[in-house]
Amino acid sequence: MLVGSLLSLVAAIGLVRFPDVLTRMHAATKPQTLGLVLLGLGLCLVVREWAVWGAVALTVLFQFLTAPVSAHMVGRGALRTGQVRLPLYEDPAAADGQAGTPSSASAAGAGARATRADG
């Protein structure tokens, strides 16, 4: 339970301290979800009743179902309102003038796909 509490605390600190939407979104979903799972597991080990186990299982299930959806919607809203700096990834080979190499061609294709998906 202590580790779960610390992970939830780290998630809360990340929400306050991180500078932009995408990093805050990461802090809101990853450590917070794992912290909730560990807290629920600790509660199940302490209480040892089937009703508590069922409630914890439902809580974890709904957290796993809703956290990715909410993070996706927050990221999509941030992208549409212009709060995300684009491009998210810059190919260092393209900056060096090596745009014709096979390794940078695959990265350039990925960037082109991402650009089309944004529009």
PDB file of N, CA and C in Angstrom:
ATOM      1  N   MET A   1       0.825  -1.196   0.000  1.00  0.00           N
ATOM      2  CA  MET A   1       0.000   0.000   0.000  1.00  0.00           C
ATOM      3  C   MET A   1       0.870   1.261   0.000  1.00  0.00           C
ATOM      4  N   LEU A   2       2.026   1.158   0.624  1.00  0.00           N
ATOM      5  CA  LEU A   2       2.928   2.310   0.655  1.00  0.00           C
ATOM      6  C   LEU A   2       3.439   2.658  -0.748  1.00  0.00           C
ATOM      7  N   VAL A   3       3.796   1.648  -1.515  1.00  0.00           N
ATOM      8  CA  VAL A   3       4.290   1.887  -2.880  1.00  0.00           C
ATOM      9  C   VAL A   3       3.169   2.469  -3.746  1.00  0.00           C
ATOM     10  N   GLY A   4       1.952   1.951  -3.598  1.00  0.00           N
ATOM     11  CA  GLY A   4       0.817   2.501  -4.340  1.00  0.00           C
ATOM     12  C   GLY A   4       0.544   3.950  -3.982  1.00  0.00           C
ATOM     13  N   SER A   5       0.652   4.259  -2.696  1.00  0.00           N
ATOM     14  CA  SER A   5       0.461   5.650  -2.261  1.00  0.00           C
ATOM     15  C   SER A   5       1.542   6.555  -2.822  1.00  0.00           C
ATOM     16  N   LEU A   6       2.794   6.065  -2.836  1.00  0.00           N
ATOM     17  CA  LEU A   6       3.885   6.872  -3.381  1.00  0.00           C
ATOM     18  C   LEU A   6       3.723   7.102  -4.882  1.00  0.00           C
ATOM     19  N   LEU A   7       3.278   6.076  -5.602  1.00  0.00           N
ATOM     20  CA  LEU A   7       3.052   6.260  -7.040  1.00  0.00           C
ATOM     21  C   LEU A   7       1.926   7.266  -7.302  1.00  0.00           C
ATOM     22  N   SER A   8       0.881   7.211  -6.521  1.00  0.00           N
ATOM     23  CA  SER A   8      -0.199   8.191  -6.676  1.00  0.00           C
ATOM     24  C   SER A   8       0.286   9.598  -6.333  1.00  0.00           C
ATOM     25  N   LEU A   9       1.152   9.709  -5.339  1.00  0.00           N
ATOM     26  CA  LEU A   9       1.731  11.007  -4.995  1.00  0.00           C
ATOM     27  C   LEU A   9       2.618  11.526  -6.128  1.00  0.00           C
ATOM     28  N   VAL A  10       3.411  10.643  -6.715  1.00  0.00           N
ATOM     29  CA  VAL A  10       4.261  11.035  -7.847  1.00  0.00           C
ATOM     30  C   VAL A  10       3.396  11.512  -9.017  1.00  0.00           C
ATOM     31  N   ALA A  11       2.276  10.837  -9.257  1.00  0.00           N
ATOM     32  CA  ALA A  11       1.369  11.260 -10.331  1.00  0.00           C
ATOM     33  C   ALA A  11       0.810  12.646 -10.049  1.00  0.00           C
ATOM     34  N   ALA A  12       0.431  12.899  -8.814  1.00  0.00           N
ATOM     35  CA  ALA A  12      -0.105  14.221  -8.463  1.00  0.00           C
ATOM     36  C   ALA A  12       0.954  15.307  -8.605  1.00  0.00           C
ATOM     37  N   ILE A  13       2.168  15.018  -8.188  1.00  0.00           N
ATOM     38  CA  ILE A  13       3.254  15.993  -8.337  1.00  0.00           C
ATOM     39  C   ILE A  13       3.534  16.242  -9.821  1.00  0.00           C
ATOM     40  N   GLY A  14       3.491  15.187 -10.625  1.00  0.00           N
ATOM     41  CA  GLY A  14       3.706  15.344 -12.068  1.00  0.00           C
ATOM     42  C   GLY A  14       2.650  16.217 -12.717  1.00  0.00           C
ATOM     43  N   LEU A  15       1.408  16.091 -12.265  1.00  0.00           N
ATOM     44  CA  LEU A  15       0.347  16.939 -12.818  1.00  0.00           C
ATOM     45  C   LEU A  15       0.596  18.409 -12.525  1.00  0.00           C
ATOM     46  N   VAL A  16       1.184  18.692 -11.385  1.00  0.00           N
ATOM     47  CA  VAL A  16       1.433  20.081 -11.009  1.00  0.00           C
ATOM     48  C   VAL A  16       2.704  20.615 -11.648  1.00  0.00           C
ATOM     49  N   ARG A  17       3.739  19.782 -11.736  1.00  0.00           N
ATOM     50  CA  ARG A  17       5.052  20.266 -12.134  1.00  0.00           C
ATOM     51  C   ARG A  17       5.359  20.203 -13.625  1.00  0.00           C
ATOM     52  N   PHE A  18       4.765  19.267 -14.361  1.00  0.00           N
ATOM     53  CA  PHE A  18       5.117  19.115 -15.770  1.00  0.00           C
ATOM     54  C   PHE A  18       4.625  20.303 -16.590  1.00  0.00           C
ATOM     55  N   PRO A  19       5.378  20.677 -17.647  1.00  0.00           N
ATOM     56  CA  PRO A  19       5.099  21.928 -18.339  1.00  0.00           C
ATOM     57  C   PRO A  19       3.988  21.894 -19.381  1.00  0.00           C
ATOM     58  N   ASP A  20       3.759  20.753 -20.042  1.00  0.00           N
ATOM     59  CA  ASP A  20       2.788  20.777 -21.136  1.00  0.00           C
ATOM     60  C   ASP A  20       1.763  19.658 -20.998  1.00  0.00           C
ATOM     61  N   VAL A  21       0.807  19.668 -21.895  1.00  0.00           N
ATOM     62  CA  VAL A  21      -0.341  18.776 -21.816  1.00  0.00           C
ATOM     63  C   VAL A  21       0.067  17.315 -21.950  1.00  0.00           C
ATOM     64  N   LEU A  22       0.945  17.001 -22.873  1.00  0.00           N
ATOM     65  CA  LEU A  22       1.286  15.602 -23.117  1.00  0.00           C
ATOM     66  C   LEU A  22       2.017  14.970 -21.945  1.00  0.00           C
ATOM     67  N   THR A  23       2.934  15.678 -21.321  1.00  0.00           N
ATOM     68  CA  THR A  23       3.623  15.116 -20.172  1.00  0.00           C
ATOM     69  C   THR A  23       2.705  15.020 -18.970  1.00  0.00           C
ATOM     70  N   ARG A  24       1.815  15.983 -18.808  1.00  0.00           N
ATOM     71  CA  ARG A  24       0.829  15.887 -17.720  1.00  0.00           C
ATOM     72  C   ARG A  24      -0.125  14.726 -17.941  1.00  0.00           C
ATOM     73  N   MET A  25      -0.475  14.494 -19.186  1.00  0.00           N
ATOM     74  CA  MET A  25      -1.354  13.377 -19.512  1.00  0.00           C
ATOM     75  C   MET A  25      -0.674  12.055 -19.157  1.00  0.00           C
ATOM     76  N   HIS A  26       0.604  11.951 -19.409  1.00  0.00           N
ATOM     77  CA  HIS A  26       1.350  10.747 -19.049  1.00  0.00           C
ATOM     78  C   HIS A  26       1.341  10.550 -17.531  1.00  0.00           C
ATOM     79  N   ALA A  27       1.577  11.633 -16.792  1.00  0.00           N
ATOM     80  CA  ALA A  27       1.591  11.542 -15.334  1.00  0.00           C
ATOM     81  C   ALA A  27       0.210  11.200 -14.778  1.00  0.00           C
ATOM     82  N   ALA A  28      -0.824  11.608 -15.464  1.00  0.00           N
ATOM     83  CA  ALA A  28      -2.176  11.339 -14.971  1.00  0.00           C
ATOM     84  C   ALA A  28      -2.609   9.903 -15.213  1.00  0.00           C
ATOM     85  N   THR A  29      -1.998   9.213 -16.160  1.00  0.00           N
ATOM     86  CA  THR A  29      -2.467   7.870 -16.491  1.00  0.00           C
ATOM     87  C   THR A  29      -1.541   6.768 -15.997  1.00  0.00           C
ATOM     88  N   LYS A  30      -0.264   6.856 -16.263  1.00  0.00           N
ATOM     89  CA  LYS A  30       0.628   5.722 -15.986  1.00  0.00           C
ATOM     90  C   LYS A  30       0.839   5.456 -14.495  1.00  0.00           C
ATOM     91  N   PRO A  31       1.498   6.346 -13.754  1.00  0.00           N
ATOM     92  CA  PRO A  31       1.764   6.000 -12.346  1.00  0.00           C
ATOM     93  C   PRO A  31       0.502   5.975 -11.490  1.00  0.00           C
ATOM     94  N   GLN A  32      -0.485   6.754 -11.849  1.00  0.00           N
ATOM     95  CA  GLN A  32      -1.711   6.779 -11.061  1.00  0.00           C
ATOM     96  C   GLN A  32      -2.444   5.451 -11.167  1.00  0.00           C
ATOM     97  N   THR A  33      -2.490   4.867 -12.350  1.00  0.00           N
ATOM     98  CA  THR A  33      -3.172   3.588 -12.535  1.00  0.00           C
ATOM     99  C   THR A  33      -2.440   2.482 -11.792  1.00  0.00           C
ATOM    100  N   LEU A  34      -1.129   2.425 -11.908  1.00  0.00           N
ATOM    101  CA  LEU A  34      -0.361   1.413 -11.185  1.00  0.00           C
ATOM    102  C   LEU A  34      -0.490   1.619  -9.676  1.00  0.00           C
ATOM    103  N   GLY A  35      -0.495   2.858  -9.232  1.00  0.00           N
ATOM    104  CA  GLY A  35      -0.676   3.143  -7.813  1.00  0.00           C
ATOM    105  C   GLY A  35      -2.022   2.661  -7.306  1.00  0.00           C
ATOM    106  N   LEU A  36      -3.066   2.840  -8.107  1.00  0.00           N
ATOM    107  CA  LEU A  36      -4.392   2.362  -7.713  1.00  0.00           C
ATOM    108  C   LEU A  36      -4.426   0.842  -7.630  1.00  0.00           C
ATOM    109  N   VAL A  37      -3.794   0.169  -8.577  1.00  0.00           N
ATOM    110  CA  VAL A  37      -3.744  -1.299  -8.566  1.00  0.00           C
ATOM    111  C   VAL A  37      -3.011  -1.789  -7.314  1.00  0.00           C
ATOM    112  N   LEU A  38      -1.894  -1.175  -6.983  1.00  0.00           N
ATOM    113  CA  LEU A  38      -1.143  -1.594  -5.802  1.00  0.00           C
ATOM    114  C   LEU A  38      -1.901  -1.296  -4.512  1.00  0.00           C
ATOM    115  N   LEU A  39      -2.587  -0.165  -4.451  1.00  0.00           N
ATOM    116  CA  LEU A  39      -3.417   0.127  -3.280  1.00  0.00           C
ATOM    117  C   LEU A  39      -4.543  -0.892  -3.133  1.00  0.00           C
ATOM    118  N   GLY A  40      -5.182  -1.236  -4.242  1.00  0.00           N
ATOM    119  CA  GLY A  40      -6.250  -2.233  -4.193  1.00  0.00           C
ATOM    120  C   GLY A  40      -5.732  -3.595  -3.796  1.00  0.00           C
ATOM    121  N   LEU A  41      -4.571  -3.973  -4.307  1.00  0.00           N
ATOM    122  CA  LEU A  41      -3.974  -5.252  -3.941  1.00  0.00           C
ATOM    123  C   LEU A  41      -3.631  -5.282  -2.453  1.00  0.00           C
ATOM    124  N   GLY A  42      -3.086  -4.204  -1.958  1.00  0.00           N
ATOM    125  CA  GLY A  42      -2.792  -4.125  -0.522  1.00  0.00           C
ATOM    126  C   GLY A  42      -4.049  -4.198   0.322  1.00  0.00           C
ATOM    127  N   LEU A  43      -5.111  -3.554  -0.122  1.00  0.00           N
ATOM    128  CA  LEU A  43      -6.376  -3.615   0.603  1.00  0.00           C
ATOM    129  C   LEU A  43      -6.929  -5.035   0.620  1.00  0.00           C
ATOM    130  N   CYS A  44      -6.821  -5.718  -0.506  1.00  0.00           N
ATOM    131  CA  CYS A  44      -7.298  -7.107  -0.569  1.00  0.00           C
ATOM    132  C   CYS A  44      -6.496  -8.015   0.356  1.00  0.00           C
ATOM    133  N   LEU A  45      -5.207  -7.774   0.466  1.00  0.00           N
ATOM    134  CA  LEU A  45      -4.387  -8.594   1.355  1.00  0.00           C
ATOM    135  C   LEU A  45      -4.683  -8.334   2.821  1.00  0.00           C
ATOM    136  N   VAL A  46      -5.105  -7.127   3.144  1.00  0.00           N
ATOM    137  CA  VAL A  46      -5.408  -6.790   4.531  1.00  0.00           C
ATOM    138  C   VAL A  46      -6.803  -7.268   4.927  1.00  0.00           C
ATOM    139  N   VAL A  47      -7.804  -7.027   4.103  1.00  0.00           N
ATOM    140  CA  VAL A  47      -9.193  -7.299   4.483  1.00  0.00           C
ATOM    141  C   VAL A  47      -9.565  -8.762   4.271  1.00  0.00           C
ATOM    142  N   ARG A  48      -9.211  -9.371   3.159  1.00  0.00           N
ATOM    143  CA  ARG A  48      -9.456 -10.781   2.841  1.00  0.00           C
ATOM    144  C   ARG A  48     -10.938 -11.165   2.891  1.00  0.00           C
ATOM    145  N   GLU A  49     -11.763 -10.371   2.244  1.00  0.00           N
ATOM    146  CA  GLU A  49     -13.185 -10.698   2.081  1.00  0.00           C
ATOM    147  C   GLU A  49     -13.518 -10.626   0.596  1.00  0.00           C
ATOM    148  N   TRP A  50     -14.419 -11.528   0.156  1.00  0.00           N
ATOM    149  CA  TRP A  50     -14.761 -11.600  -1.262  1.00  0.00           C
ATOM    150  C   TRP A  50     -15.437 -10.328  -1.753  1.00  0.00           C
ATOM    151  N   ALA A  51     -16.222  -9.693  -0.905  1.00  0.00           N
ATOM    152  CA  ALA A  51     -16.895  -8.464  -1.327  1.00  0.00           C
ATOM    153  C   ALA A  51     -15.885  -7.359  -1.627  1.00  0.00           C
ATOM    154  N   VAL A  52     -14.857  -7.271  -0.815  1.00  0.00           N
ATOM    155  CA  VAL A  52     -13.815  -6.263  -1.036  1.00  0.00           C
ATOM    156  C   VAL A  52     -13.034  -6.593  -2.303  1.00  0.00           C
ATOM    157  N   TRP A  53     -12.730  -7.875  -2.503  1.00  0.00           N
ATOM    158  CA  TRP A  53     -12.006  -8.279  -3.704  1.00  0.00           C
ATOM    159  C   TRP A  53     -12.797  -7.943  -4.961  1.00  0.00           C
ATOM    160  N   GLY A  54     -14.106  -8.153  -4.919  1.00  0.00           N
ATOM    161  CA  GLY A  54     -14.943  -7.826  -6.071  1.00  0.00           C
ATOM    162  C   GLY A  54     -14.981  -6.333  -6.351  1.00  0.00           C
ATOM    163  N   ALA A  55     -15.099  -5.544  -5.280  1.00  0.00           N
ATOM    164  CA  ALA A  55     -15.131  -4.087  -5.455  1.00  0.00           C
ATOM    165  C   ALA A  55     -13.797  -3.573  -5.999  1.00  0.00           C
ATOM    166  N   VAL A  56     -12.710  -4.106  -5.495  1.00  0.00           N
ATOM    167  CA  VAL A  56     -11.390  -3.691  -5.976  1.00  0.00           C
ATOM    168  C   VAL A  56     -11.201  -4.113  -7.429  1.00  0.00           C
ATOM    169  N   ALA A  57     -11.643  -5.319  -7.764  1.00  0.00           N
ATOM    170  CA  ALA A  57     -11.520  -5.785  -9.151  1.00  0.00           C
ATOM    171  C   ALA A  57     -12.319  -4.895 -10.096  1.00  0.00           C
ATOM    172  N   LEU A  58     -13.526  -4.503  -9.705  1.00  0.00           N
ATOM    173  CA  LEU A  58     -14.324  -3.603 -10.544  1.00  0.00           C
ATOM    174  C   LEU A  58     -13.675  -2.226 -10.670  1.00  0.00           C
ATOM    175  N   THR A  59     -13.127  -1.740  -9.570  1.00  0.00           N
ATOM    176  CA  THR A  59     -12.464  -0.429  -9.596  1.00  0.00           C
ATOM    177  C   THR A  59     -11.267  -0.447 -10.542  1.00  0.00           C
ATOM    178  N   VAL A  60     -10.450  -1.491 -10.454  1.00  0.00           N
ATOM    179  CA  VAL A  60      -9.277  -1.601 -11.324  1.00  0.00           C
ATOM    180  C   VAL A  60      -9.710  -1.762 -12.777  1.00  0.00           C
ATOM    181  N   LEU A  61     -10.734  -2.563 -13.012  1.00  0.00           N
ATOM    182  CA  LEU A  61     -11.232  -2.760 -14.378  1.00  0.00           C
ATOM    183  C   LEU A  61     -11.706  -1.441 -14.990  1.00  0.00           C
ATOM    184  N   PHE A  62     -12.505  -0.694 -14.242  1.00  0.00           N
ATOM    185  CA  PHE A  62     -13.000   0.577 -14.777  1.00  0.00           C
ATOM    186  C   PHE A  62     -11.873   1.590 -14.948  1.00  0.00           C
ATOM    187  N   GLN A  63     -10.865   1.538 -14.082  1.00  0.00           N
ATOM    188  CA  GLN A  63      -9.718   2.435 -14.251  1.00  0.00           C
ATOM    189  C   GLN A  63      -8.965   2.094 -15.532  1.00  0.00           C
ATOM    190  N   PHE A  64      -8.774   0.792 -15.793  1.00  0.00           N
ATOM    191  CA  PHE A  64      -8.088   0.377 -17.019  1.00  0.00           C
ATOM    192  C   PHE A  64      -8.897   0.716 -18.264  1.00  0.00           C
ATOM    193  N   LEU A  65     -10.202   0.740 -18.157  1.00  0.00           N
ATOM    194  CA  LEU A  65     -11.032   1.067 -19.313  1.00  0.00           C
ATOM    195  C   LEU A  65     -11.130   2.570 -19.560  1.00  0.00           C
ATOM    196  N   THR A  66     -11.164   3.359 -18.501  1.00  0.00           N
ATOM    197  CA  THR A  66     -11.404   4.793 -18.676  1.00  0.00           C
ATOM    198  C   THR A  66     -10.146   5.636 -18.794  1.00  0.00           C
ATOM    199  N   ALA A  67      -9.031   5.229 -18.205  1.00  0.00           N
ATOM    200  CA  ALA A  67      -7.808   6.048 -18.253  1.00  0.00           C
ATOM    201  C   ALA A  67      -7.287   6.237 -19.675  1.00  0.00           C
ATOM    202  N   PRO A  68      -7.188   5.191 -20.501  1.00  0.00           N
ATOM    203  CA  PRO A  68      -6.700   5.431 -21.871  1.00  0.00           C
ATOM    204  C   PRO A  68      -7.659   6.277 -22.703  1.00  0.00           C
ATOM    205  N   VAL A  69      -8.950   6.081 -22.505  1.00  0.00           N
ATOM    206  CA  VAL A  69      -9.932   6.850 -23.274  1.00  0.00           C
ATOM    207  C   VAL A  69      -9.873   8.324 -22.881  1.00  0.00           C
ATOM    208  N   SER A  70      -9.809   8.590 -21.589  1.00  0.00           N
ATOM    209  CA  SER A  70      -9.758   9.989 -21.161  1.00  0.00           C
ATOM    210  C   SER A  70      -8.457  10.654 -21.595  1.00  0.00           C
ATOM    211  N   ALA A  71      -7.333   9.928 -21.523  1.00  0.00           N
ATOM    212  CA  ALA A  71      -6.060  10.497 -21.979  1.00  0.00           C
ATOM    213  C   ALA A  71      -6.090  10.773 -23.476  1.00  0.00           C
ATOM    214  N   HIS A  72      -6.702   9.887 -24.236  1.00  0.00           N
ATOM    215  CA  HIS A  72      -6.819  10.103 -25.675  1.00  0.00           C
ATOM    216  C   HIS A  72      -7.649  11.349 -25.970  1.00  0.00           C
ATOM    217  N   MET A  73      -8.746  11.501 -25.269  1.00  0.00           N
ATOM    218  CA  MET A  73      -9.613  12.657 -25.514  1.00  0.00           C
ATOM    219  C   MET A  73      -8.933  13.969 -25.089  1.00  0.00           C
ATOM    220  N   VAL A  74      -8.189  13.941 -23.999  1.00  0.00           N
ATOM    221  CA  VAL A  74      -7.453  15.142 -23.580  1.00  0.00           C
ATOM    222  C   VAL A  74      -6.385  15.484 -24.614  1.00  0.00           C
ATOM    223  N   GLY A  75      -5.648  14.487 -25.086  1.00  0.00           N
ATOM    224  CA  GLY A  75      -4.628  14.732 -26.106  1.00  0.00           C
ATOM    225  C   GLY A  75      -5.220  15.230 -27.404  1.00  0.00           C
ATOM    226  N   ARG A  76      -6.343  14.660 -27.795  1.00  0.00           N
ATOM    227  CA  ARG A  76      -7.000  15.095 -29.026  1.00  0.00           C
ATOM    228  C   ARG A  76      -7.517  16.526 -28.910  1.00  0.00           C
ATOM    229  N   GLY A  77      -8.091  16.839 -27.752  1.00  0.00           N
ATOM    230  CA  GLY A  77      -8.560  18.209 -27.534  1.00  0.00           C
ATOM    231  C   GLY A  77      -7.421  19.207 -27.511  1.00  0.00           C
ATOM    232  N   ALA A  78      -6.298  18.822 -26.908  1.00  0.00           N
ATOM    233  CA  ALA A  78      -5.138  19.709 -26.878  1.00  0.00           C
ATOM    234  C   ALA A  78      -4.573  19.928 -28.269  1.00  0.00           C
ATOM    235  N   LEU A  79      -4.570  18.873 -29.086  1.00  0.00           N
ATOM    236  CA  LEU A  79      -4.078  19.008 -30.459  1.00  0.00           C
ATOM    237  C   LEU A  79      -4.986  19.915 -31.281  1.00  0.00           C
ATOM    238  N   ARG A  80      -6.275  19.747 -31.117  1.00  0.00           N
ATOM    239  CA  ARG A  80      -7.223  20.555 -31.899  1.00  0.00           C
ATOM    240  C   ARG A  80      -7.245  22.021 -31.481  1.00  0.00           C
ATOM    241  N   THR A  81      -6.946  22.306 -30.217  1.00  0.00           N
ATOM    242  CA  THR A  81      -6.946  23.697 -29.768  1.00  0.00           C
ATOM    243  C   THR A  81      -5.584  24.358 -29.895  1.00  0.00           C
ATOM    244  N   GLY A  82      -4.596  23.621 -30.423  1.00  0.00           N
ATOM    245  CA  GLY A  82      -3.288  24.207 -30.672  1.00  0.00           C
ATOM    246  C   GLY A  82      -2.389  24.282 -29.455  1.00  0.00           C
ATOM    247  N   GLN A  83      -2.621  23.468 -28.446  1.00  0.00           N
ATOM    248  CA  GLN A  83      -1.787  23.504 -27.249  1.00  0.00           C
ATOM    249  C   GLN A  83      -0.623  22.530 -27.323  1.00  0.00           C
ATOM    250  N   VAL A  84      -0.497  21.808 -28.438  1.00  0.00           N
ATOM    251  CA  VAL A  84       0.590  20.852 -28.625  1.00  0.00           C
ATOM    252  C   VAL A  84       1.519  21.396 -29.696  1.00  0.00           C
ATOM    253  N   ARG A  85       2.821  21.425 -29.381  1.00  0.00           N
ATOM    254  CA  ARG A  85       3.805  21.883 -30.363  1.00  0.00           C
ATOM    255  C   ARG A  85       4.004  20.800 -31.416  1.00  0.00           C
ATOM    256  N   LEU A  86       3.921  21.186 -32.675  1.00  0.00           N
ATOM    257  CA  LEU A  86       4.135  20.250 -33.770  1.00  0.00           C
ATOM    258  C   LEU A  86       5.373  20.653 -34.535  1.00  0.00           C
ATOM    259  N   PRO A  87       6.141  19.773 -35.090  1.00  0.00           N
ATOM    260  CA  PRO A  87       6.008  18.325 -35.063  1.00  0.00           C
ATOM    261  C   PRO A  87       6.464  17.775 -33.717  1.00  0.00           C
ATOM    262  N   LEU A  88       5.888  16.655 -33.314  1.00  0.00           N
ATOM    263  CA  LEU A  88       6.255  16.025 -32.053  1.00  0.00           C
ATOM    264  C   LEU A  88       7.616  15.355 -32.135  1.00  0.00           C
ATOM    265  N   TYR A  89       8.004  14.937 -33.347  1.00  0.00           N
ATOM    266  CA  TYR A  89       9.272  14.254 -33.544  1.00  0.00           C
ATOM    267  C   TYR A  89       9.997  14.911 -34.702  1.00  0.00           C
ATOM    268  N   GLU A  90      11.264  15.206 -34.498  1.00  0.00           N
ATOM    269  CA  GLU A  90      12.070  15.778 -35.568  1.00  0.00           C
ATOM    270  C   GLU A  90      13.179  14.800 -35.907  1.00  0.00           C
ATOM    271  N   ASP A  91      13.277  14.428 -37.163  1.00  0.00           N
ATOM    272  CA  ASP A  91      14.257  13.450 -37.616  1.00  0.00           C
ATOM    273  C   ASP A  91      15.634  14.098 -37.658  1.00  0.00           C
ATOM    274  N   PRO A  92      16.592  13.622 -36.836  1.00  0.00           N
ATOM    275  CA  PRO A  92      17.919  14.242 -36.856  1.00  0.00           C
ATOM    276  C   PRO A  92      18.657  14.015 -38.167  1.00  0.00           C
ATOM    277  N   ALA A  93      18.380  12.923 -38.878  1.00  0.00           N
ATOM    278  CA  ALA A  93      19.045  12.675 -40.161  1.00  0.00           C
ATOM    279  C   ALA A  93      18.579  13.687 -41.204  1.00  0.00           C
ATOM    280  N   ALA A  94      17.318  14.089 -41.148  1.00  0.00           N
ATOM    281  CA  ALA A  94      16.819  15.078 -42.096  1.00  0.00           C
ATOM    282  C   ALA A  94      17.453  16.443 -41.841  1.00  0.00           C
ATOM    283  N   ALA A  95      17.782  16.733 -40.591  1.00  0.00           N
ATOM    284  CA  ALA A  95      18.425  18.007 -40.260  1.00  0.00           C
ATOM    285  C   ALA A  95      19.865  18.037 -40.752  1.00  0.00           C
ATOM    286  N   ASP A  96      20.497  16.847 -40.863  1.00  0.00           N
ATOM    287  CA  ASP A  96      21.868  16.775 -41.338  1.00  0.00           C
ATOM    288  C   ASP A  96      21.965  16.755 -42.858  1.00  0.00           C
ATOM    289  N   GLY A  97      20.862  16.714 -43.547  1.00  0.00           N
ATOM    290  CA  GLY A  97      20.872  16.675 -44.994  1.00  0.00           C
ATOM    291  C   GLY A  97      20.978  15.279 -45.552  1.00  0.00           C
ATOM    292  N   GLN A  98      20.701  14.256 -44.767  1.00  0.00           N
ATOM    293  CA  GLN A  98      20.781  12.864 -45.203  1.00  0.00           C
ATOM    294  C   GLN A  98      19.377  12.306 -45.428  1.00  0.00           C
ATOM    295  N   ALA A  99      18.540  13.050 -46.068  1.00  0.00           N
ATOM    296  CA  ALA A  99      17.148  12.649 -46.238  1.00  0.00           C
ATOM    297  C   ALA A  99      16.989  11.452 -47.163  1.00  0.00           C
ATOM    298  N   GLY A 100      17.991  11.101 -47.959  1.00  0.00           N
ATOM    299  CA  GLY A 100      17.856  10.012 -48.905  1.00  0.00           C
ATOM    300  C   GLY A 100      18.257   8.651 -48.360  1.00  0.00           C
ATOM    301  N   THR A 101      18.769   8.574 -47.127  1.00  0.00           N
ATOM    302  CA  THR A 101      19.208   7.296 -46.575  1.00  0.00           C
ATOM    303  C   THR A 101      18.014   6.438 -46.190  1.00  0.00           C
ATOM    304  N   PRO A 102      18.158   5.102 -46.238  1.00  0.00           N
ATOM    305  CA  PRO A 102      17.029   4.226 -45.920  1.00  0.00           C
ATOM    306  C   PRO A 102      16.522   4.383 -44.492  1.00  0.00           C
ATOM    307  N   SER A 103      17.396   4.645 -43.522  1.00  0.00           N
ATOM    308  CA  SER A 103      16.936   4.773 -42.143  1.00  0.00           C
ATOM    309  C   SER A 103      16.084   6.020 -41.960  1.00  0.00           C
ATOM    310  N   SER A 104      16.434   7.104 -42.628  1.00  0.00           N
ATOM    311  CA  SER A 104      15.643   8.314 -42.487  1.00  0.00           C
ATOM    312  C   SER A 104      14.392   8.274 -43.355  1.00  0.00           C
ATOM    313  N   ALA A 105      14.411   7.443 -44.396  1.00  0.00           N
ATOM    314  CA  ALA A 105      13.223   7.338 -45.242  1.00  0.00           C
ATOM    315  C   ALA A 105      12.072   6.717 -44.486  1.00  0.00           C
ATOM    316  N   SER A 106      12.341   5.734 -43.639  1.00  0.00           N
ATOM    317  CA  SER A 106      11.255   5.135 -42.859  1.00  0.00           C
ATOM    318  C   SER A 106      10.731   6.118 -41.832  1.00  0.00           C
ATOM    319  N   ALA A 107      11.612   6.906 -41.230  1.00  0.00           N
ATOM    320  CA  ALA A 107      11.167   7.913 -40.267  1.00  0.00           C
ATOM    321  C   ALA A 107      10.400   9.026 -40.972  1.00  0.00           C
ATOM    322  N   ALA A 108      10.840   9.389 -42.181  1.00  0.00           N
ATOM    323  CA  ALA A 108      10.129  10.425 -42.922  1.00  0.00           C
ATOM    324  C   ALA A 108       8.744   9.951 -43.319  1.00  0.00           C
ATOM    325  N   GLY A 109       8.631   8.671 -43.669  1.00  0.00           N
ATOM    326  CA  GLY A 109       7.314   8.124 -43.987  1.00  0.00           C
ATOM    327  C   GLY A 109       6.404   8.133 -42.785  1.00  0.00           C
ATOM    328  N   ALA A 110       6.966   7.850 -41.604  1.00  0.00           N
ATOM    329  CA  ALA A 110       6.156   7.885 -40.387  1.00  0.00           C
ATOM    330  C   ALA A 110       5.703   9.307 -40.094  1.00  0.00           C
ATOM    331  N   GLY A 111       6.586  10.275 -40.340  1.00  0.00           N
ATOM    332  CA  GLY A 111       6.203  11.670 -40.130  1.00  0.00           C
ATOM    333  C   GLY A 111       5.124  12.114 -41.093  1.00  0.00           C
ATOM    334  N   ALA A 112       5.203  11.625 -42.341  1.00  0.00           N
ATOM    335  CA  ALA A 112       4.180  11.980 -43.326  1.00  0.00           C
ATOM    336  C   ALA A 112       2.837  11.371 -42.941  1.00  0.00           C
ATOM    337  N   ARG A 113       2.864  10.136 -42.430  1.00  0.00           N
ATOM    338  CA  ARG A 113       1.622   9.522 -41.985  1.00  0.00           C
ATOM    339  C   ARG A 113       1.027  10.286 -40.819  1.00  0.00           C
ATOM    340  N   ALA A 114       1.881  10.732 -39.882  1.00  0.00           N
ATOM    341  CA  ALA A 114       1.383  11.486 -38.729  1.00  0.00           C
ATOM    342  C   ALA A 114       0.803  12.818 -39.173  1.00  0.00           C
ATOM    343  N   THR A 115       1.417  13.452 -40.149  1.00  0.00           N
ATOM    344  CA  THR A 115       0.919  14.734 -40.641  1.00  0.00           C
ATOM    345  C   THR A 115      -0.440  14.569 -41.289  1.00  0.00           C
ATOM    346  N   ARG A 116      -0.619  13.523 -42.076  1.00  0.00           N
ATOM    347  CA  ARG A 116      -1.920  13.286 -42.711  1.00  0.00           C
ATOM    348  C   ARG A 116      -2.984  12.979 -41.678  1.00  0.00           C
ATOM    349  N   ALA A 117      -2.619  12.286 -40.614  1.00  0.00           N
ATOM    350  CA  ALA A 117      -3.602  11.920 -39.590  1.00  0.00           C
ATOM    351  C   ALA A 117      -4.051  13.142 -38.804  1.00  0.00           C
ATOM    352  N   ASP A 118      -3.160  14.174 -38.699  1.00  0.00           N
ATOM    353  CA  ASP A 118      -3.517  15.356 -37.948  1.00  0.00           C
ATOM    354  C   ASP A 118      -4.573  16.202 -38.648  1.00  0.00           C
ATOM    355  N   GLY A 119      -4.526  16.219 -39.965  1.00  0.00           N
ATOM    356  CA  GLY A 119      -5.375  17.110 -40.730  1.00  0.00           C
ATOM    357  C   GLY A 119      -6.776  16.726 -40.712  1.00  0.00           C
TER     358      GLY A 119
END
